[in-house]
Amino acid sequence: MKAADWCLSSAGAALVLATSSDEKHPPENMVDGRSETFWTTTGMFPQEFIIGFPACVKVRKVAVQCYLDLQYTEGELQTAEFPLPDFQATYLRFIIKSAFDHFVSVHRVMAEGTAENI
């Protein structure tokens, strides 16, 4: 079975929980597949979000595209990739403990993997 990005709303992913929400930049923007849209935190830490998959997925890699979270880079999106060998999940939970500013933005979350029962 071909690997897919399971953190897309078009693949059945859903934003199950987000600890903050801004009406102009809602949490659902993280799963729309576009880097131009994003979820922004509302100033306090920690912040958390959970993405649910439509089925159990064997995830090989997770990537997060964000701004002012992983390192300080003025005006530049950051992408961090995390390989996850032999990792199966129905949900992914992310906790942002601190950042380089009071507000951070998460533009995309990607989970590359395969699901057997779709």
PDB file of N, CA and C in Angstrom:
ATOM      1  N   MET A   1       0.837  -1.171   0.000  1.00  0.00           N
ATOM      2  CA  MET A   1       0.000   0.000   0.000  1.00  0.00           C
ATOM      3  C   MET A   1       0.885   1.239   0.000  1.00  0.00           C
ATOM      4  N   LYS A   2       0.516   2.246  -0.782  1.00  0.00           N
ATOM      5  CA  LYS A   2       1.290   3.468  -0.929  1.00  0.00           C
ATOM      6  C   LYS A   2       1.199   4.336   0.326  1.00  0.00           C
ATOM      7  N   ALA A   3       2.328   4.935   0.719  1.00  0.00           N
ATOM      8  CA  ALA A   3       2.350   5.835   1.866  1.00  0.00           C
ATOM      9  C   ALA A   3       1.600   7.112   1.530  1.00  0.00           C
ATOM     10  N   ALA A   4       0.897   7.652   2.508  1.00  0.00           N
ATOM     11  CA  ALA A   4       0.124   8.871   2.323  1.00  0.00           C
ATOM     12  C   ALA A   4       0.340   9.785   3.518  1.00  0.00           C
ATOM     13  N   ASP A   5      -0.082  11.034   3.384  1.00  0.00           N
ATOM     14  CA  ASP A   5      -0.074  11.980   4.499  1.00  0.00           C
ATOM     15  C   ASP A   5      -1.416  11.869   5.202  1.00  0.00           C
ATOM     16  N   TRP A   6      -1.430  11.295   6.390  1.00  0.00           N
ATOM     17  CA  TRP A   6      -2.662  11.033   7.130  1.00  0.00           C
ATOM     18  C   TRP A   6      -3.113  12.210   7.982  1.00  0.00           C
ATOM     19  N   CYS A   7      -2.369  13.309   7.978  1.00  0.00           N
ATOM     20  CA  CYS A   7      -2.773  14.500   8.726  1.00  0.00           C
ATOM     21  C   CYS A   7      -3.502  15.509   7.840  1.00  0.00           C
ATOM     22  N   LEU A   8      -4.132  15.039   6.802  1.00  0.00           N
ATOM     23  CA  LEU A   8      -4.912  15.904   5.926  1.00  0.00           C
ATOM     24  C   LEU A   8      -6.399  15.657   6.157  1.00  0.00           C
ATOM     25  N   SER A   9      -7.168  16.731   6.212  1.00  0.00           N
ATOM     26  CA  SER A   9      -8.619  16.552   6.351  1.00  0.00           C
ATOM     27  C   SER A   9      -9.176  15.776   5.161  1.00  0.00           C
ATOM     28  N   SER A  10      -8.576  15.939   3.986  1.00  0.00           N
ATOM     29  CA  SER A  10      -9.023  15.195   2.807  1.00  0.00           C
ATOM     30  C   SER A  10      -8.747  13.696   2.927  1.00  0.00           C
ATOM     31  N   ALA A  11      -7.837  13.288   3.822  1.00  0.00           N
ATOM     32  CA  ALA A  11      -7.554  11.874   4.068  1.00  0.00           C
ATOM     33  C   ALA A  11      -8.370  11.348   5.246  1.00  0.00           C
ATOM     34  N   GLY A  12      -9.207  12.208   5.831  1.00  0.00           N
ATOM     35  CA  GLY A  12     -10.051  11.796   6.954  1.00  0.00           C
ATOM     36  C   GLY A  12      -9.554  12.234   8.311  1.00  0.00           C
ATOM     37  N   ALA A  13      -8.443  12.971   8.375  1.00  0.00           N
ATOM     38  CA  ALA A  13      -7.929  13.446   9.658  1.00  0.00           C
ATOM     39  C   ALA A  13      -8.864  14.503  10.235  1.00  0.00           C
ATOM     40  N   ALA A  14      -8.915  14.547  11.554  1.00  0.00           N
ATOM     41  CA  ALA A  14      -9.750  15.538  12.230  1.00  0.00           C
ATOM     42  C   ALA A  14      -8.991  16.130  13.401  1.00  0.00           C
ATOM     43  N   LEU A  15      -9.198  17.407  13.630  1.00  0.00           N
ATOM     44  CA  LEU A  15      -8.622  18.078  14.786  1.00  0.00           C
ATOM     45  C   LEU A  15      -9.522  17.739  15.965  1.00  0.00           C
ATOM     46  N   VAL A  16      -9.038  16.936  16.887  1.00  0.00           N
ATOM     47  CA  VAL A  16      -9.841  16.456  18.001  1.00  0.00           C
ATOM     48  C   VAL A  16      -9.830  17.451  19.156  1.00  0.00           C
ATOM     49  N   LEU A  17      -8.683  18.098  19.379  1.00  0.00           N
ATOM     50  CA  LEU A  17      -8.548  19.021  20.498  1.00  0.00           C
ATOM     51  C   LEU A  17      -7.493  20.059  20.177  1.00  0.00           C
ATOM     52  N   ALA A  18      -7.744  21.283  20.595  1.00  0.00           N
ATOM     53  CA  ALA A  18      -6.741  22.343  20.576  1.00  0.00           C
ATOM     54  C   ALA A  18      -7.009  23.213  21.791  1.00  0.00           C
ATOM     55  N   THR A  19      -5.962  23.574  22.508  1.00  0.00           N
ATOM     56  CA  THR A  19      -6.137  24.309  23.754  1.00  0.00           C
ATOM     57  C   THR A  19      -6.396  25.789  23.549  1.00  0.00           C
ATOM     58  N   SER A  20      -6.281  26.274  22.331  1.00  0.00           N
ATOM     59  CA  SER A  20      -6.619  27.666  22.055  1.00  0.00           C
ATOM     60  C   SER A  20      -7.160  27.770  20.643  1.00  0.00           C
ATOM     61  N   SER A  21      -7.865  28.872  20.399  1.00  0.00           N
ATOM     62  CA  SER A  21      -8.414  29.068  19.066  1.00  0.00           C
ATOM     63  C   SER A  21      -8.576  30.554  18.798  1.00  0.00           C
ATOM     64  N   ASP A  22      -8.236  30.941  17.606  1.00  0.00           N
ATOM     65  CA  ASP A  22      -8.409  32.301  17.127  1.00  0.00           C
ATOM     66  C   ASP A  22      -9.301  32.202  15.907  1.00  0.00           C
ATOM     67  N   GLU A  23     -10.352  32.994  15.843  1.00  0.00           N
ATOM     68  CA  GLU A  23     -11.313  32.844  14.740  1.00  0.00           C
ATOM     69  C   GLU A  23     -10.690  33.091  13.368  1.00  0.00           C
ATOM     70  N   LYS A  24      -9.626  33.885  13.286  1.00  0.00           N
ATOM     71  CA  LYS A  24      -8.963  34.124  12.006  1.00  0.00           C
ATOM     72  C   LYS A  24      -7.978  33.012  11.646  1.00  0.00           C
ATOM     73  N   HIS A  25      -7.484  32.290  12.660  1.00  0.00           N
ATOM     74  CA  HIS A  25      -6.495  31.236  12.451  1.00  0.00           C
ATOM     75  C   HIS A  25      -6.861  30.013  13.299  1.00  0.00           C
ATOM     76  N   PRO A  26      -7.938  29.313  12.932  1.00  0.00           N
ATOM     77  CA  PRO A  26      -8.424  28.193  13.735  1.00  0.00           C
ATOM     78  C   PRO A  26      -7.527  26.956  13.627  1.00  0.00           C
ATOM     79  N   PRO A  27      -7.630  26.051  14.588  1.00  0.00           N
ATOM     80  CA  PRO A  27      -6.797  24.845  14.592  1.00  0.00           C
ATOM     81  C   PRO A  27      -6.989  23.961  13.361  1.00  0.00           C
ATOM     82  N   GLU A  28      -8.162  23.971  12.763  1.00  0.00           N
ATOM     83  CA  GLU A  28      -8.420  23.142  11.583  1.00  0.00           C
ATOM     84  C   GLU A  28      -7.499  23.496  10.409  1.00  0.00           C
ATOM     85  N   ASN A  29      -6.893  24.680  10.445  1.00  0.00           N
ATOM     86  CA  ASN A  29      -5.958  25.070   9.386  1.00  0.00           C
ATOM     87  C   ASN A  29      -4.738  24.151   9.320  1.00  0.00           C
ATOM     88  N   MET A  30      -4.401  23.497  10.428  1.00  0.00           N
ATOM     89  CA  MET A  30      -3.225  22.614  10.431  1.00  0.00           C
ATOM     90  C   MET A  30      -3.412  21.380   9.559  1.00  0.00           C
ATOM     91  N   VAL A  31      -4.652  21.000   9.281  1.00  0.00           N
ATOM     92  CA  VAL A  31      -4.906  19.776   8.519  1.00  0.00           C
ATOM     93  C   VAL A  31      -5.490  20.043   7.133  1.00  0.00           C
ATOM     94  N   ASP A  32      -5.424  21.296   6.675  1.00  0.00           N
ATOM     95  CA  ASP A  32      -5.981  21.608   5.351  1.00  0.00           C
ATOM     96  C   ASP A  32      -4.969  21.410   4.224  1.00  0.00           C
ATOM     97  N   GLY A  33      -3.698  21.121   4.551  1.00  0.00           N
ATOM     98  CA  GLY A  33      -2.692  20.832   3.537  1.00  0.00           C
ATOM     99  C   GLY A  33      -2.028  22.051   2.926  1.00  0.00           C
ATOM    100  N   ARG A  34      -2.339  23.230   3.432  1.00  0.00           N
ATOM    101  CA  ARG A  34      -1.767  24.452   2.871  1.00  0.00           C
ATOM    102  C   ARG A  34      -0.840  25.126   3.874  1.00  0.00           C
ATOM    103  N   SER A  35       0.325  25.558   3.424  1.00  0.00           N
ATOM    104  CA  SER A  35       1.275  26.250   4.298  1.00  0.00           C
ATOM    105  C   SER A  35       0.876  27.700   4.543  1.00  0.00           C
ATOM    106  N   GLU A  36       0.002  28.241   3.704  1.00  0.00           N
ATOM    107  CA  GLU A  36      -0.400  29.638   3.839  1.00  0.00           C
ATOM    108  C   GLU A  36      -1.361  29.853   4.996  1.00  0.00           C
ATOM    109  N   THR A  37      -2.075  28.821   5.402  1.00  0.00           N
ATOM    110  CA  THR A  37      -2.997  28.921   6.525  1.00  0.00           C
ATOM    111  C   THR A  37      -2.341  28.302   7.744  1.00  0.00           C
ATOM    112  N   PHE A  38      -2.798  28.693   8.937  1.00  0.00           N
ATOM    113  CA  PHE A  38      -2.150  28.191  10.147  1.00  0.00           C
ATOM    114  C   PHE A  38      -3.055  28.346  11.356  1.00  0.00           C
ATOM    115  N   TRP A  39      -2.671  27.648  12.424  1.00  0.00           N
ATOM    116  CA  TRP A  39      -3.262  27.800  13.749  1.00  0.00           C
ATOM    117  C   TRP A  39      -2.300  28.639  14.554  1.00  0.00           C
ATOM    118  N   THR A  40      -2.808  29.595  15.293  1.00  0.00           N
ATOM    119  CA  THR A  40      -1.948  30.387  16.157  1.00  0.00           C
ATOM    120  C   THR A  40      -2.349  30.169  17.609  1.00  0.00           C
ATOM    121  N   THR A  41      -1.341  30.098  18.464  1.00  0.00           N
ATOM    122  CA  THR A  41      -1.601  29.981  19.888  1.00  0.00           C
ATOM    123  C   THR A  41      -2.045  31.347  20.401  1.00  0.00           C
ATOM    124  N   THR A  42      -2.627  31.349  21.582  1.00  0.00           N
ATOM    125  CA  THR A  42      -3.156  32.596  22.126  1.00  0.00           C
ATOM    126  C   THR A  42      -2.384  33.103  23.331  1.00  0.00           C
ATOM    127  N   GLY A  43      -1.096  32.801  23.395  1.00  0.00           N
ATOM    128  CA  GLY A  43      -0.249  33.488  24.351  1.00  0.00           C
ATOM    129  C   GLY A  43       0.261  32.739  25.559  1.00  0.00           C
ATOM    130  N   MET A  44      -0.376  31.717  26.029  1.00  0.00           N
ATOM    131  CA  MET A  44       0.076  31.007  27.223  1.00  0.00           C
ATOM    132  C   MET A  44       0.652  29.650  26.823  1.00  0.00           C
ATOM    133  N   PHE A  45       1.534  29.129  27.651  1.00  0.00           N
ATOM    134  CA  PHE A  45       2.100  27.797  27.431  1.00  0.00           C
ATOM    135  C   PHE A  45       1.922  26.985  28.688  1.00  0.00           C
ATOM    136  N   PRO A  46       1.769  25.683  28.553  1.00  0.00           N
ATOM    137  CA  PRO A  46       1.852  24.892  27.329  1.00  0.00           C
ATOM    138  C   PRO A  46       0.584  25.005  26.487  1.00  0.00           C
ATOM    139  N   GLN A  47       0.721  24.692  25.210  1.00  0.00           N
ATOM    140  CA  GLN A  47      -0.392  24.580  24.274  1.00  0.00           C
ATOM    141  C   GLN A  47      -0.388  23.141  23.753  1.00  0.00           C
ATOM    142  N   GLU A  48      -1.544  22.658  23.383  1.00  0.00           N
ATOM    143  CA  GLU A  48      -1.648  21.252  22.970  1.00  0.00           C
ATOM    144  C   GLU A  48      -2.664  21.117  21.843  1.00  0.00           C
ATOM    145  N   PHE A  49      -2.418  20.153  20.966  1.00  0.00           N
ATOM    146  CA  PHE A  49      -3.425  19.793  19.977  1.00  0.00           C
ATOM    147  C   PHE A  49      -3.320  18.299  19.684  1.00  0.00           C
ATOM    148  N   ILE A  50      -4.461  17.720  19.298  1.00  0.00           N
ATOM    149  CA  ILE A  50      -4.541  16.294  18.984  1.00  0.00           C
ATOM    150  C   ILE A  50      -5.200  16.145  17.619  1.00  0.00           C
ATOM    151  N   ILE A  51      -4.557  15.355  16.759  1.00  0.00           N
ATOM    152  CA  ILE A  51      -5.099  15.040  15.444  1.00  0.00           C
ATOM    153  C   ILE A  51      -5.478  13.566  15.433  1.00  0.00           C
ATOM    154  N   GLY A  52      -6.696  13.276  14.991  1.00  0.00           N
ATOM    155  CA  GLY A  52      -7.174  11.902  14.915  1.00  0.00           C
ATOM    156  C   GLY A  52      -7.199  11.408  13.482  1.00  0.00           C
ATOM    157  N   PHE A  53      -6.826  10.150  13.292  1.00  0.00           N
ATOM    158  CA  PHE A  53      -6.844   9.518  11.977  1.00  0.00           C
ATOM    159  C   PHE A  53      -8.141   8.727  11.813  1.00  0.00           C
ATOM    160  N   PRO A  54      -8.556   8.436  10.582  1.00  0.00           N
ATOM    161  CA  PRO A  54      -9.775   7.645  10.371  1.00  0.00           C
ATOM    162  C   PRO A  54      -9.593   6.160  10.701  1.00  0.00           C
ATOM    163  N   ALA A  55      -8.345   5.717  10.871  1.00  0.00           N
ATOM    164  CA  ALA A  55      -8.036   4.317  11.193  1.00  0.00           C
ATOM    165  C   ALA A  55      -6.654   4.277  11.826  1.00  0.00           C
ATOM    166  N   CYS A  56      -6.270   3.122  12.313  1.00  0.00           N
ATOM    167  CA  CYS A  56      -4.920   2.954  12.846  1.00  0.00           C
ATOM    168  C   CYS A  56      -3.923   3.019  11.684  1.00  0.00           C
ATOM    169  N   VAL A  57      -2.906   3.845  11.840  1.00  0.00           N
ATOM    170  CA  VAL A  57      -1.941   4.089  10.774  1.00  0.00           C
ATOM    171  C   VAL A  57      -0.548   3.699  11.258  1.00  0.00           C
ATOM    172  N   LYS A  58       0.199   3.034  10.392  1.00  0.00           N
ATOM    173  CA  LYS A  58       1.600   2.762  10.672  1.00  0.00           C
ATOM    174  C   LYS A  58       2.384   3.984  10.178  1.00  0.00           C
ATOM    175  N   VAL A  59       2.791   4.826  11.109  1.00  0.00           N
ATOM    176  CA  VAL A  59       3.441   6.099  10.798  1.00  0.00           C
ATOM    177  C   VAL A  59       4.946   5.883  10.702  1.00  0.00           C
ATOM    178  N   ARG A  60       5.534   6.345   9.601  1.00  0.00           N
ATOM    179  CA  ARG A  60       6.981   6.255   9.414  1.00  0.00           C
ATOM    180  C   ARG A  60       7.696   7.550   9.755  1.00  0.00           C
ATOM    181  N   LYS A  61       6.975   8.670   9.567  1.00  0.00           N
ATOM    182  CA  LYS A  61       7.607   9.960   9.798  1.00  0.00           C
ATOM    183  C   LYS A  61       6.533  10.998  10.091  1.00  0.00           C
ATOM    184  N   VAL A  62       6.825  11.890  11.048  1.00  0.00           N
ATOM    185  CA  VAL A  62       5.969  13.032  11.336  1.00  0.00           C
ATOM    186  C   VAL A  62       6.789  14.282  11.066  1.00  0.00           C
ATOM    187  N   ALA A  63       6.181  15.261  10.430  1.00  0.00           N
ATOM    188  CA  ALA A  63       6.832  16.543  10.178  1.00  0.00           C
ATOM    189  C   ALA A  63       5.897  17.659  10.622  1.00  0.00           C
ATOM    190  N   VAL A  64       6.489  18.708  11.168  1.00  0.00           N
ATOM    191  CA  VAL A  64       5.727  19.863  11.637  1.00  0.00           C
ATOM    192  C   VAL A  64       6.313  21.108  10.991  1.00  0.00           C
ATOM    193  N   GLN A  65       5.444  21.914  10.415  1.00  0.00           N
ATOM    194  CA  GLN A  65       5.860  23.186   9.820  1.00  0.00           C
ATOM    195  C   GLN A  65       5.283  24.294  10.703  1.00  0.00           C
ATOM    196  N   CYS A  66       6.169  25.113  11.277  1.00  0.00           N
ATOM    197  CA  CYS A  66       5.723  26.113  12.243  1.00  0.00           C
ATOM    198  C   CYS A  66       6.579  27.375  12.158  1.00  0.00           C
ATOM    199  N   TYR A  67       6.240  28.337  13.026  1.00  0.00           N
ATOM    200  CA  TYR A  67       6.956  29.603  13.058  1.00  0.00           C
ATOM    201  C   TYR A  67       7.139  30.019  14.510  1.00  0.00           C
ATOM    202  N   LEU A  68       8.355  30.376  14.888  1.00  0.00           N
ATOM    203  CA  LEU A  68       8.751  30.834  16.225  1.00  0.00           C
ATOM    204  C   LEU A  68       8.553  29.776  17.306  1.00  0.00           C
ATOM    205  N   ASP A  69       8.705  28.533  16.946  1.00  0.00           N
ATOM    206  CA  ASP A  69       8.536  27.456  17.920  1.00  0.00           C
ATOM    207  C   ASP A  69       9.832  26.688  18.136  1.00  0.00           C
ATOM    208  N   LEU A  70      10.363  26.091  17.087  1.00  0.00           N
ATOM    209  CA  LEU A  70      11.528  25.213  17.216  1.00  0.00           C
ATOM    210  C   LEU A  70      12.833  25.982  17.409  1.00  0.00           C
ATOM    211  N   GLN A  71      12.969  27.076  16.691  1.00  0.00           N
ATOM    212  CA  GLN A  71      14.152  27.929  16.822  1.00  0.00           C
ATOM    213  C   GLN A  71      13.760  29.322  16.373  1.00  0.00           C
ATOM    214  N   TYR A  72      14.587  30.303  16.688  1.00  0.00           N
ATOM    215  CA  TYR A  72      14.258  31.666  16.299  1.00  0.00           C
ATOM    216  C   TYR A  72      14.757  31.926  14.889  1.00  0.00           C
ATOM    217  N   THR A  73      13.840  32.131  13.980  1.00  0.00           N
ATOM    218  CA  THR A  73      14.157  32.502  12.604  1.00  0.00           C
ATOM    219  C   THR A  73      13.148  33.547  12.175  1.00  0.00           C
ATOM    220  N   GLU A  74      13.585  34.751  11.993  1.00  0.00           N
ATOM    221  CA  GLU A  74      12.698  35.853  11.644  1.00  0.00           C
ATOM    222  C   GLU A  74      12.153  35.700  10.227  1.00  0.00           C
ATOM    223  N   GLY A  75      10.827  35.648  10.089  1.00  0.00           N
ATOM    224  CA  GLY A  75      10.182  35.624   8.792  1.00  0.00           C
ATOM    225  C   GLY A  75      10.335  34.350   7.992  1.00  0.00           C
ATOM    226  N   GLU A  76      10.688  33.254   8.630  1.00  0.00           N
ATOM    227  CA  GLU A  76      10.954  32.007   7.908  1.00  0.00           C
ATOM    228  C   GLU A  76      10.258  30.838   8.590  1.00  0.00           C
ATOM    229  N   LEU A  77       9.512  30.057   7.820  1.00  0.00           N
ATOM    230  CA  LEU A  77       8.887  28.856   8.366  1.00  0.00           C
ATOM    231  C   LEU A  77       9.950  27.819   8.703  1.00  0.00           C
ATOM    232  N   GLN A  78       9.696  27.061   9.748  1.00  0.00           N
ATOM    233  CA  GLN A  78      10.606  25.996  10.172  1.00  0.00           C
ATOM    234  C   GLN A  78       9.909  24.656   9.949  1.00  0.00           C
ATOM    235  N   THR A  79      10.676  23.673   9.541  1.00  0.00           N
ATOM    236  CA  THR A  79      10.143  22.322   9.402  1.00  0.00           C
ATOM    237  C   THR A  79      11.033  21.370  10.167  1.00  0.00           C
ATOM    238  N   ALA A  80      10.411  20.573  11.015  1.00  0.00           N
ATOM    239  CA  ALA A  80      11.149  19.543  11.751  1.00  0.00           C
ATOM    240  C   ALA A  80      10.545  18.200  11.411  1.00  0.00           C
ATOM    241  N   GLU A  81      11.409  17.227  11.135  1.00  0.00           N
ATOM    242  CA  GLU A  81      10.958  15.874  10.812  1.00  0.00           C
ATOM    243  C   GLU A  81      11.397  14.916  11.912  1.00  0.00           C
ATOM    244  N   PHE A  82      10.512  13.991  12.232  1.00  0.00           N
ATOM    245  CA  PHE A  82      10.772  13.007  13.280  1.00  0.00           C
ATOM    246  C   PHE A  82      10.483  11.613  12.729  1.00  0.00           C
ATOM    247  N   PRO A  83      11.520  10.804  12.461  1.00  0.00           N
ATOM    248  CA  PRO A  83      11.281   9.434  12.000  1.00  0.00           C
ATOM    249  C   PRO A  83      10.728   8.588  13.142  1.00  0.00           C
ATOM    250  N   LEU A  84       9.774   7.731  12.822  1.00  0.00           N
ATOM    251  CA  LEU A  84       9.132   6.892  13.836  1.00  0.00           C
ATOM    252  C   LEU A  84       9.042   5.456  13.334  1.00  0.00           C
ATOM    253  N   PRO A  85      10.103   4.691  13.421  1.00  0.00           N
ATOM    254  CA  PRO A  85      10.053   3.312  12.936  1.00  0.00           C
ATOM    255  C   PRO A  85       9.124   2.452  13.795  1.00  0.00           C
ATOM    256  N   ASP A  86       8.301   1.653  13.122  1.00  0.00           N
ATOM    257  CA  ASP A  86       7.392   0.709  13.797  1.00  0.00           C
ATOM    258  C   ASP A  86       6.461   1.395  14.784  1.00  0.00           C
ATOM    259  N   PHE A  87       5.880   2.500  14.389  1.00  0.00           N
ATOM    260  CA  PHE A  87       4.995   3.283  15.251  1.00  0.00           C
ATOM    261  C   PHE A  87       3.585   3.242  14.681  1.00  0.00           C
ATOM    262  N   GLN A  88       2.621   2.768  15.464  1.00  0.00           N
ATOM    263  CA  GLN A  88       1.230   2.740  15.034  1.00  0.00           C
ATOM    264  C   GLN A  88       0.421   3.689  15.897  1.00  0.00           C
ATOM    265  N   ALA A  89      -0.509   4.406  15.262  1.00  0.00           N
ATOM    266  CA  ALA A  89      -1.287   5.391  16.010  1.00  0.00           C
ATOM    267  C   ALA A  89      -2.649   5.604  15.382  1.00  0.00           C
ATOM    268  N   THR A  90      -3.586   5.986  16.218  1.00  0.00           N
ATOM    269  CA  THR A  90      -4.891   6.451  15.774  1.00  0.00           C
ATOM    270  C   THR A  90      -5.007   7.947  16.021  1.00  0.00           C
ATOM    271  N   TYR A  91      -4.216   8.448  16.973  1.00  0.00           N
ATOM    272  CA  TYR A  91      -4.170   9.863  17.314  1.00  0.00           C
ATOM    273  C   TYR A  91      -2.714  10.296  17.465  1.00  0.00           C
ATOM    274  N   LEU A  92      -2.458  11.566  17.153  1.00  0.00           N
ATOM    275  CA  LEU A  92      -1.161  12.174  17.443  1.00  0.00           C
ATOM    276  C   LEU A  92      -1.404  13.353  18.376  1.00  0.00           C
ATOM    277  N   ARG A  93      -0.674  13.386  19.465  1.00  0.00           N
ATOM    278  CA  ARG A  93      -0.804  14.461  20.451  1.00  0.00           C
ATOM    279  C   ARG A  93       0.482  15.274  20.456  1.00  0.00           C
ATOM    280  N   PHE A  94       0.346  16.580  20.359  1.00  0.00           N
ATOM    281  CA  PHE A  94       1.490  17.494  20.356  1.00  0.00           C
ATOM    282  C   PHE A  94       1.342  18.467  21.514  1.00  0.00           C
ATOM    283  N   ILE A  95       2.436  18.686  22.237  1.00  0.00           N
ATOM    284  CA  ILE A  95       2.445  19.647  23.328  1.00  0.00           C
ATOM    285  C   ILE A  95       3.567  20.643  23.061  1.00  0.00           C
ATOM    286  N   ILE A  96       3.209  21.910  23.005  1.00  0.00           N
ATOM    287  CA  ILE A  96       4.192  22.978  22.850  1.00  0.00           C
ATOM    288  C   ILE A  96       4.431  23.552  24.240  1.00  0.00           C
ATOM    289  N   LYS A  97       5.590  23.264  24.796  1.00  0.00           N
ATOM    290  CA  LYS A  97       5.889  23.669  26.173  1.00  0.00           C
ATOM    291  C   LYS A  97       6.343  25.115  26.283  1.00  0.00           C
ATOM    292  N   SER A  98       7.055  25.597  25.276  1.00  0.00           N
ATOM    293  CA  SER A  98       7.524  26.978  25.271  1.00  0.00           C
ATOM    294  C   SER A  98       7.899  27.355  23.845  1.00  0.00           C
ATOM    295  N   ALA A  99       8.190  28.637  23.638  1.00  0.00           N
ATOM    296  CA  ALA A  99       8.534  29.102  22.298  1.00  0.00           C
ATOM    297  C   ALA A  99       9.381  30.370  22.414  1.00  0.00           C
ATOM    298  N   PHE A 100       9.739  30.913  21.272  1.00  0.00           N
ATOM    299  CA  PHE A 100      10.570  32.115  21.218  1.00  0.00           C
ATOM    300  C   PHE A 100       9.743  33.389  21.232  1.00  0.00           C
ATOM    301  N   ASP A 101       8.431  33.258  21.305  1.00  0.00           N
ATOM    302  CA  ASP A 101       7.535  34.401  21.362  1.00  0.00           C
ATOM    303  C   ASP A 101       6.305  33.958  22.142  1.00  0.00           C
ATOM    304  N   HIS A 102       5.447  34.912  22.479  1.00  0.00           N
ATOM    305  CA  HIS A 102       4.208  34.568  23.183  1.00  0.00           C
ATOM    306  C   HIS A 102       3.233  33.829  22.280  1.00  0.00           C
ATOM    307  N   PHE A 103       3.348  34.072  20.990  1.00  0.00           N
ATOM    308  CA  PHE A 103       2.460  33.447  20.015  1.00  0.00           C
ATOM    309  C   PHE A 103       3.301  32.661  19.022  1.00  0.00           C
ATOM    310  N   VAL A 104       2.875  31.450  18.721  1.00  0.00           N
ATOM    311  CA  VAL A 104       3.526  30.664  17.676  1.00  0.00           C
ATOM    312  C   VAL A 104       2.434  30.212  16.701  1.00  0.00           C
ATOM    313  N   SER A 105       2.860  29.830  15.521  1.00  0.00           N
ATOM    314  CA  SER A 105       1.900  29.325  14.542  1.00  0.00           C
ATOM    315  C   SER A 105       2.350  27.960  14.053  1.00  0.00           C
ATOM    316  N   VAL A 106       1.379  27.070  13.895  1.00  0.00           N
ATOM    317  CA  VAL A 106       1.625  25.756  13.305  1.00  0.00           C
ATOM    318  C   VAL A 106       0.882  25.762  11.972  1.00  0.00           C
ATOM    319  N   HIS A 107       1.638  25.621  10.890  1.00  0.00           N
ATOM    320  CA  HIS A 107       1.068  25.723   9.552  1.00  0.00           C
ATOM    321  C   HIS A 107       0.607  24.376   9.011  1.00  0.00           C
ATOM    322  N   ARG A 108       1.402  23.356   9.208  1.00  0.00           N
ATOM    323  CA  ARG A 108       1.043  22.013   8.737  1.00  0.00           C
ATOM    324  C   ARG A 108       1.620  20.973   9.672  1.00  0.00           C
ATOM    325  N   VAL A 109       0.912  19.875   9.772  1.00  0.00           N
ATOM    326  CA  VAL A 109       1.421  18.676  10.429  1.00  0.00           C
ATOM    327  C   VAL A 109       1.258  17.567   9.408  1.00  0.00           C
ATOM    328  N   MET A 110       2.315  16.800   9.200  1.00  0.00           N
ATOM    329  CA  MET A 110       2.273  15.724   8.215  1.00  0.00           C
ATOM    330  C   MET A 110       2.655  14.412   8.902  1.00  0.00           C
ATOM    331  N   ALA A 111       1.945  13.360   8.588  1.00  0.00           N
ATOM    332  CA  ALA A 111       2.239  12.037   9.115  1.00  0.00           C
ATOM    333  C   ALA A 111       2.276  11.078   7.943  1.00  0.00           C
ATOM    334  N   GLU A 112       3.458  10.683   7.542  1.00  0.00           N
ATOM    335  CA  GLU A 112       3.618   9.781   6.404  1.00  0.00           C
ATOM    336  C   GLU A 112       3.498   8.343   6.890  1.00  0.00           C
ATOM    337  N   GLY A 113       2.607   7.598   6.263  1.00  0.00           N
ATOM    338  CA  GLY A 113       2.444   6.206   6.664  1.00  0.00           C
ATOM    339  C   GLY A 113       1.393   5.493   5.843  1.00  0.00           C
ATOM    340  N   THR A 114       1.064   4.292   6.297  1.00  0.00           N
ATOM    341  CA  THR A 114       0.085   3.456   5.610  1.00  0.00           C
ATOM    342  C   THR A 114      -0.952   2.949   6.605  1.00  0.00           C
ATOM    343  N   ALA A 115      -2.153   2.717   6.112  1.00  0.00           N
ATOM    344  CA  ALA A 115      -3.229   2.139   6.918  1.00  0.00           C
ATOM    345  C   ALA A 115      -3.759   0.916   6.188  1.00  0.00           C
ATOM    346  N   GLU A 116      -4.034  -0.128   6.921  1.00  0.00           N
ATOM    347  CA  GLU A 116      -4.463  -1.389   6.316  1.00  0.00           C
ATOM    348  C   GLU A 116      -5.975  -1.490   6.167  1.00  0.00           C
ATOM    349  N   ASN A 117      -6.730  -0.860   7.050  1.00  0.00           N
ATOM    350  CA  ASN A 117      -8.178  -1.103   7.093  1.00  0.00           C
ATOM    351  C   ASN A 117      -8.998   0.102   6.662  1.00  0.00           C
ATOM    352  N   ILE A 118      -8.681   0.685   5.529  1.00  0.00           N
ATOM    353  CA  ILE A 118      -9.469   1.829   5.047  1.00  0.00           C
ATOM    354  C   ILE A 118     -10.288   1.379   3.848  1.00  0.00           C
TER     355      ILE A 118
END
